[in-house]
Amino acid sequence: MGTELIKRGLKPGECPETWNLSHPEAIKEIHRSYFRAGSEVVTTNSFGGHPVKLKAYGLETKAEELNYAAASVAAQAKEEGQFVAGSLGPAGQFLKPYGPLEEAELEAGFYLQASALAAGGADLLLIETMYDLREALCALRAAKRAASSLPVLVTMTFQRTPRGFYTLMGQKVADCLRSLEAEGADGAGANCTLTSQDMAELAPLLRAETSLPLIFQPNAGQPKTDAEGQLIYSQTIDDFILGFKKILEVRVQAVGGCCGTNPEYIRRLSNLIRKE
C-alpha cells in the first residue's frame, strides 16, 4: 500500500491513513488493482492506525474515524468472492522497560482500532509486521475481544541472523508460534523484512511449530533509491516468484506480498498458484 501511495503523490511525512478520507477514490483504485491482479484478499490502509502511532501527526483523536474509513473504502472495492483484511501494525514505540508504553495502553488502542475496522466492513483482522511478541499478544487479545466473530491472523517480522531467525526483540520462531496459538490466533506467519528466498527457509521452521494456517508475505527485496531518487526494491519479479516455489512446498494456506510488491508481482504469484 505504501509504495502505491507514494506513486500517487503521498508526501514525505504525510500520514497515509488520512488518504482514506481525503483521497478515497485513490485508495479504492489501489485495492481494485490488486484484486484485478488476482488477489483474493486486500489489506486496509490502516497499518499505522494505532492511536499511539497517529499521535505523531496529532491525529490520535481521529483513530476510530480513520480506521473505519480504511475498512469501508476497501469493502467498496471488493466483489463477490473477494475479502478485506483489516490491517493492524505496530504502535511505533516499545513497551516498558525498553520504551514508554504500558500493555494496557497498547491493548486499548488496538481494541479501538479493531472495533472500527470490524464496523467498517473488514472480513478478518491481520495483525502484521510485529517485531515484539509481547505487542503481538496485546493486539491479539484486543482484536479477539473487539471482533469475536472475525478470524484474527498474526504475522511476525523475523530477521535473519548467524544463529537463525529472530524478531528484533530476540524472540525465537518457536516461542512466537506457540504463544500465538495458545492465545487463540486463527492463523500465523511472517511478513516484511525478508525476501521470498529467505522466507522459503523460514517456512518449514514455522510449520514445524504449529498446526495453525500459515501465511507468508515477503518483501520484494530491500528498499533503495535509484539515480533519480525514486524508491525501488532489490528483488526482481522472477526472483520473487522463484522463492515461492519452495514456500508452496510447505503446507501453507495463504501467500502474498509486503513492501515493494506492486500488482504485477501479485499477478505473477497468482499465476504460479494456479499452475501449482
Protein backbone atom coordinates (compact mmCIF):
# COMPACT_ATOMS: atom_id res chain seq x y z
CA MET A 1 0.00 0.00 0.00
CA GLY A 2 2.72 2.48 0.97
CA THR A 3 4.62 2.10 -2.29
CA GLU A 4 1.43 2.62 -4.30
CA LEU A 5 0.51 5.70 -2.27
CA ILE A 6 3.93 7.25 -2.91
CA LYS A 7 3.41 6.69 -6.64
CA ARG A 8 0.15 8.61 -6.38
CA GLY A 9 1.59 11.58 -4.52
CA LEU A 10 1.85 10.78 -0.82
CA LYS A 11 4.34 13.33 0.51
CA PRO A 12 7.23 12.61 2.91
CA GLY A 13 5.94 13.00 6.46
CA GLU A 14 2.28 12.76 5.43
CA CYS A 15 0.10 10.33 7.34
CA PRO A 16 -1.00 7.58 4.90
CA GLU A 17 -4.21 6.85 6.81
CA THR A 18 -5.57 10.37 6.13
CA TRP A 19 -5.93 9.38 2.47
CA ASN A 20 -8.86 7.19 3.49
CA LEU A 21 -10.77 10.45 4.00
CA SER A 22 -9.04 12.86 1.62
CA HIS A 23 -8.43 10.52 -1.36
CA PRO A 24 -10.88 7.61 -1.00
CA GLU A 25 -11.08 7.02 -4.77
CA ALA A 26 -7.29 6.63 -4.99
CA ILE A 27 -7.34 4.10 -2.15
CA LYS A 28 -10.22 2.26 -3.78
CA GLU A 29 -8.36 2.07 -7.09
CA ILE A 30 -5.27 0.65 -5.38
CA HIS A 31 -7.39 -2.11 -3.85
CA ARG A 32 -9.06 -2.81 -7.18
CA SER A 33 -5.70 -3.02 -8.94
CA TYR A 34 -4.68 -5.83 -6.59
CA PHE A 35 -8.00 -7.60 -6.96
CA ARG A 36 -7.63 -7.40 -10.75
CA ALA A 37 -4.13 -8.86 -10.41
CA GLY A 38 -5.58 -11.94 -8.73
CA SER A 39 -5.64 -11.12 -5.02
CA GLU A 40 -8.44 -12.76 -3.08
CA VAL A 41 -7.73 -10.59 -0.03
CA VAL A 42 -6.52 -6.99 0.26
CA THR A 43 -5.37 -5.24 3.42
CA THR A 44 -6.80 -1.93 4.55
CA ASN A 45 -4.84 1.32 4.58
CA SER A 46 -4.67 1.29 8.38
CA PHE A 47 -1.24 -0.16 9.12
CA GLY A 48 -0.32 2.94 11.16
CA GLY A 49 -3.79 3.40 12.62
CA HIS A 50 -2.99 2.76 16.30
CA PRO A 51 -3.67 5.93 18.36
CA VAL A 52 -0.07 5.94 19.64
CA LYS A 53 1.23 5.97 16.05
CA LEU A 54 -1.28 8.60 14.95
CA LYS A 55 -0.27 10.85 17.85
CA ALA A 56 2.93 11.69 15.96
CA TYR A 57 0.68 13.50 13.45
CA GLY A 58 -1.64 14.99 16.07
CA LEU A 59 -4.37 12.62 14.86
CA GLU A 60 -4.84 10.29 17.83
CA THR A 61 -8.44 11.51 18.37
CA LYS A 62 -9.30 10.54 14.78
CA ALA A 63 -8.18 6.92 15.12
CA GLU A 64 -11.69 5.50 15.07
CA GLU A 65 -12.74 7.57 12.05
CA LEU A 66 -9.60 6.77 10.04
CA ASN A 67 -9.76 3.04 10.70
CA TYR A 68 -13.48 2.85 9.95
CA ALA A 69 -12.89 4.69 6.67
CA ALA A 70 -10.00 2.36 5.78
CA ALA A 71 -12.24 -0.70 6.02
CA SER A 72 -15.22 0.98 4.39
CA VAL A 73 -13.27 2.13 1.33
CA ALA A 74 -11.70 -1.32 0.88
CA ALA A 75 -15.08 -3.04 1.24
CA GLN A 76 -16.47 -0.84 -1.53
CA ALA A 77 -13.73 -2.08 -3.86
CA LYS A 78 -14.40 -5.80 -3.46
CA GLU A 79 -16.70 -8.05 -5.44
CA GLU A 80 -18.19 -11.44 -4.64
CA GLY A 81 -15.53 -13.90 -3.55
CA GLN A 82 -13.11 -11.15 -2.53
CA PHE A 83 -12.26 -10.20 1.04
CA VAL A 84 -10.88 -7.36 3.16
CA ALA A 85 -8.31 -7.84 5.93
CA GLY A 86 -8.22 -5.06 8.50
CA SER A 87 -4.54 -4.20 8.98
CA LEU A 88 -3.15 -3.53 12.47
CA GLY A 89 0.55 -2.67 12.53
CA PRO A 90 2.91 -1.86 15.41
CA ALA A 91 2.22 1.20 17.54
CA GLY A 92 5.69 2.54 16.78
CA GLN A 93 7.02 2.67 20.35
CA PHE A 94 8.43 -0.03 22.61
CA LEU A 95 6.84 -1.49 25.70
CA LYS A 96 8.50 -0.88 29.06
CA PRO A 97 11.28 -1.27 30.07
CA TYR A 98 12.62 -0.57 26.56
CA GLY A 99 10.14 2.23 25.83
CA PRO A 100 7.34 4.28 27.39
CA LEU A 101 4.32 2.06 26.71
CA GLU A 102 2.28 0.04 29.18
CA GLU A 103 0.49 -3.07 27.94
CA ALA A 104 -2.90 -1.64 28.98
CA GLU A 105 -2.44 1.46 26.78
CA LEU A 106 -1.27 -0.62 23.88
CA GLU A 107 -4.16 -3.06 24.18
CA ALA A 108 -6.74 -0.27 24.49
CA GLY A 109 -5.52 1.29 21.26
CA PHE A 110 -5.65 -2.00 19.39
CA TYR A 111 -9.16 -2.60 20.73
CA LEU A 112 -10.33 0.76 19.34
CA GLN A 113 -8.64 0.07 16.01
CA ALA A 114 -10.01 -3.46 15.66
CA SER A 115 -13.52 -2.34 16.60
CA ALA A 116 -13.51 0.38 13.95
CA LEU A 117 -12.13 -1.92 11.25
CA ALA A 118 -14.79 -4.53 12.01
CA ALA A 119 -17.55 -1.91 11.98
CA GLY A 120 -16.25 -0.55 8.68
CA GLY A 121 -16.64 -3.91 6.94
CA ALA A 122 -13.43 -5.92 7.39
CA ASP A 123 -13.92 -9.66 6.85
CA LEU A 124 -10.92 -10.60 9.01
CA LEU A 125 -8.20 -8.86 11.02
CA LEU A 126 -4.50 -9.08 10.19
CA ILE A 127 -2.05 -8.08 12.92
CA GLU A 128 1.14 -7.67 10.91
CA THR A 129 4.82 -6.75 10.96
CA MET A 130 5.10 -7.49 14.67
CA TYR A 131 8.70 -7.34 15.88
CA ASP A 132 7.81 -7.89 19.55
CA LEU A 133 5.83 -10.93 20.70
CA ARG A 134 4.52 -9.01 23.70
CA GLU A 135 2.99 -6.37 21.45
CA ALA A 136 1.60 -9.03 19.12
CA LEU A 137 -0.15 -10.70 22.05
CA CYS A 138 -1.61 -7.36 23.21
CA ALA A 139 -3.01 -6.82 19.72
CA LEU A 140 -4.32 -10.37 19.51
CA ARG A 141 -6.15 -10.18 22.83
CA ALA A 142 -7.66 -6.82 21.89
CA ALA A 143 -8.74 -7.95 18.42
CA LYS A 144 -10.36 -11.13 19.76
CA ARG A 145 -12.37 -9.08 22.26
CA ALA A 146 -13.29 -6.34 19.79
CA ALA A 147 -14.37 -8.58 16.91
CA SER A 148 -15.04 -12.05 18.29
CA SER A 149 -16.85 -13.15 15.12
CA LEU A 150 -13.91 -12.40 12.79
CA PRO A 151 -10.81 -14.52 12.14
CA VAL A 152 -7.67 -12.91 13.56
CA LEU A 153 -4.30 -13.66 11.92
CA VAL A 154 -0.91 -12.58 13.25
CA THR A 155 2.28 -12.28 11.22
CA MET A 156 5.61 -11.63 12.91
CA THR A 157 8.65 -9.99 11.35
CA PHE A 158 11.84 -12.02 11.65
CA GLN A 159 15.42 -11.08 10.93
CA ARG A 160 17.98 -13.48 9.57
CA THR A 161 20.98 -13.78 11.89
CA PRO A 162 24.02 -16.11 12.05
CA ARG A 163 22.12 -18.01 14.76
CA GLY A 164 18.89 -18.32 12.77
CA PHE A 165 15.67 -16.31 12.55
CA TYR A 166 14.72 -13.99 15.42
CA THR A 167 12.48 -10.97 15.97
CA LEU A 168 14.04 -7.56 16.61
CA MET A 169 13.49 -8.23 20.32
CA GLY A 170 15.42 -11.51 20.10
CA GLN A 171 12.40 -13.83 20.28
CA LYS A 172 12.62 -17.27 18.70
CA VAL A 173 10.34 -18.63 15.99
CA ALA A 174 9.18 -21.47 18.24
CA ASP A 175 8.27 -19.18 21.14
CA CYS A 176 6.31 -16.83 18.87
CA LEU A 177 4.28 -19.52 17.12
CA ARG A 178 3.48 -21.47 20.27
CA SER A 179 2.41 -18.34 22.15
CA LEU A 180 0.19 -17.10 19.32
CA GLU A 181 -1.51 -20.47 19.04
CA ALA A 182 -2.02 -20.65 22.81
CA GLU A 183 -3.62 -17.18 22.82
CA GLY A 184 -6.16 -18.14 20.16
CA ALA A 185 -4.78 -16.82 16.87
CA ASP A 186 -6.71 -18.21 13.90
CA GLY A 187 -3.62 -18.16 11.72
CA ALA A 188 0.00 -17.06 11.94
CA GLY A 189 3.04 -16.45 9.79
CA ALA A 190 5.65 -13.94 8.73
CA ASN A 191 5.76 -10.76 6.69
CA CYS A 192 8.13 -7.94 5.74
CA THR A 193 11.93 -7.57 6.08
CA LEU A 194 12.82 -10.88 4.40
CA THR A 195 12.90 -11.77 0.71
CA SER A 196 10.94 -14.71 -0.65
CA GLN A 197 14.17 -16.72 -0.76
CA ASP A 198 14.72 -16.11 2.96
CA MET A 199 11.11 -16.99 3.73
CA ALA A 200 11.49 -20.23 1.80
CA GLU A 201 13.95 -21.24 4.53
CA LEU A 202 11.79 -19.82 7.31
CA ALA A 203 8.53 -21.50 6.22
CA PRO A 204 9.36 -25.07 7.31
CA LEU A 205 10.53 -23.79 10.71
CA LEU A 206 7.14 -22.19 11.32
CA ARG A 207 5.26 -25.22 10.08
CA ALA A 208 7.19 -27.42 12.50
CA GLU A 209 5.92 -25.36 15.45
CA THR A 210 2.18 -25.07 14.76
CA SER A 211 -0.81 -26.67 13.11
CA LEU A 212 -2.39 -23.25 12.51
CA PRO A 213 -3.00 -21.99 8.98
CA LEU A 214 0.17 -20.22 7.82
CA ILE A 215 0.59 -17.00 5.84
CA PHE A 216 3.77 -15.62 4.25
CA GLN A 217 4.21 -12.13 2.76
CA PRO A 218 7.84 -11.33 1.91
CA ASN A 219 9.24 -8.04 0.68
CA ALA A 220 10.36 -7.57 -2.90
CA GLY A 221 13.90 -7.45 -1.56
CA GLN A 222 15.41 -4.48 0.26
CA PRO A 223 14.47 -0.84 -0.47
CA LYS A 224 16.90 1.56 -2.10
CA THR A 225 16.77 4.69 -4.22
CA ASP A 226 17.67 4.85 -7.90
CA ALA A 227 19.65 7.59 -9.69
CA GLU A 228 16.55 9.78 -9.80
CA GLY A 229 15.85 9.39 -6.09
CA GLN A 230 12.89 7.04 -6.61
CA LEU A 231 12.28 4.22 -4.16
CA ILE A 232 12.87 0.79 -5.69
CA TYR A 233 13.28 -2.74 -4.33
CA SER A 234 16.15 -5.11 -4.98
CA GLN A 235 14.33 -8.37 -5.79
CA THR A 236 13.11 -8.85 -9.36
CA ILE A 237 9.73 -10.41 -10.02
CA ASP A 238 11.37 -13.57 -11.39
CA ASP A 239 13.48 -13.97 -8.25
CA PHE A 240 10.47 -13.20 -6.03
CA ILE A 241 8.45 -15.96 -7.71
CA LEU A 242 11.34 -18.43 -7.55
CA GLY A 243 11.31 -18.26 -3.75
CA PHE A 244 7.61 -19.02 -3.63
CA LYS A 245 8.06 -22.28 -5.47
CA LYS A 246 9.78 -23.54 -2.31
CA ILE A 247 7.37 -21.83 0.10
CA LEU A 248 4.43 -23.58 -1.55
CA GLU A 249 6.02 -26.97 -0.87
CA VAL A 250 5.25 -26.41 2.82
CA ARG A 251 1.61 -26.72 3.96
CA VAL A 252 0.87 -23.01 3.57
CA GLN A 253 -2.66 -21.63 3.44
CA ALA A 254 -2.07 -18.04 2.29
CA VAL A 255 0.67 -16.15 0.47
CA GLY A 256 1.09 -12.59 -0.70
CA GLY A 257 3.50 -9.70 -0.79
CA CYS A 258 4.65 -6.93 1.50
CA CYS A 259 6.81 -3.86 0.78
CA GLY A 260 7.58 -3.25 -2.90
CA THR A 261 5.20 -5.88 -4.28
CA ASN A 262 3.13 -3.97 -6.82
CA PRO A 263 0.17 -5.59 -8.63
CA GLU A 264 2.44 -7.19 -11.23
CA TYR A 265 4.23 -9.17 -8.50
CA ILE A 266 0.85 -10.39 -7.29
CA ARG A 267 -0.29 -11.22 -10.81
CA ARG A 268 2.74 -13.46 -11.31
CA LEU A 269 2.26 -15.06 -7.89
CA SER A 270 -1.41 -15.71 -8.62
CA ASN A 271 -0.47 -17.36 -11.93
CA LEU A 272 2.06 -19.57 -10.14
CA ILE A 273 -0.51 -20.71 -7.58
CA ARG A 274 -3.00 -21.60 -10.30
CA LYS A 275 -0.35 -23.71 -12.06
CA GLU A 276 0.58 -25.43 -8.80
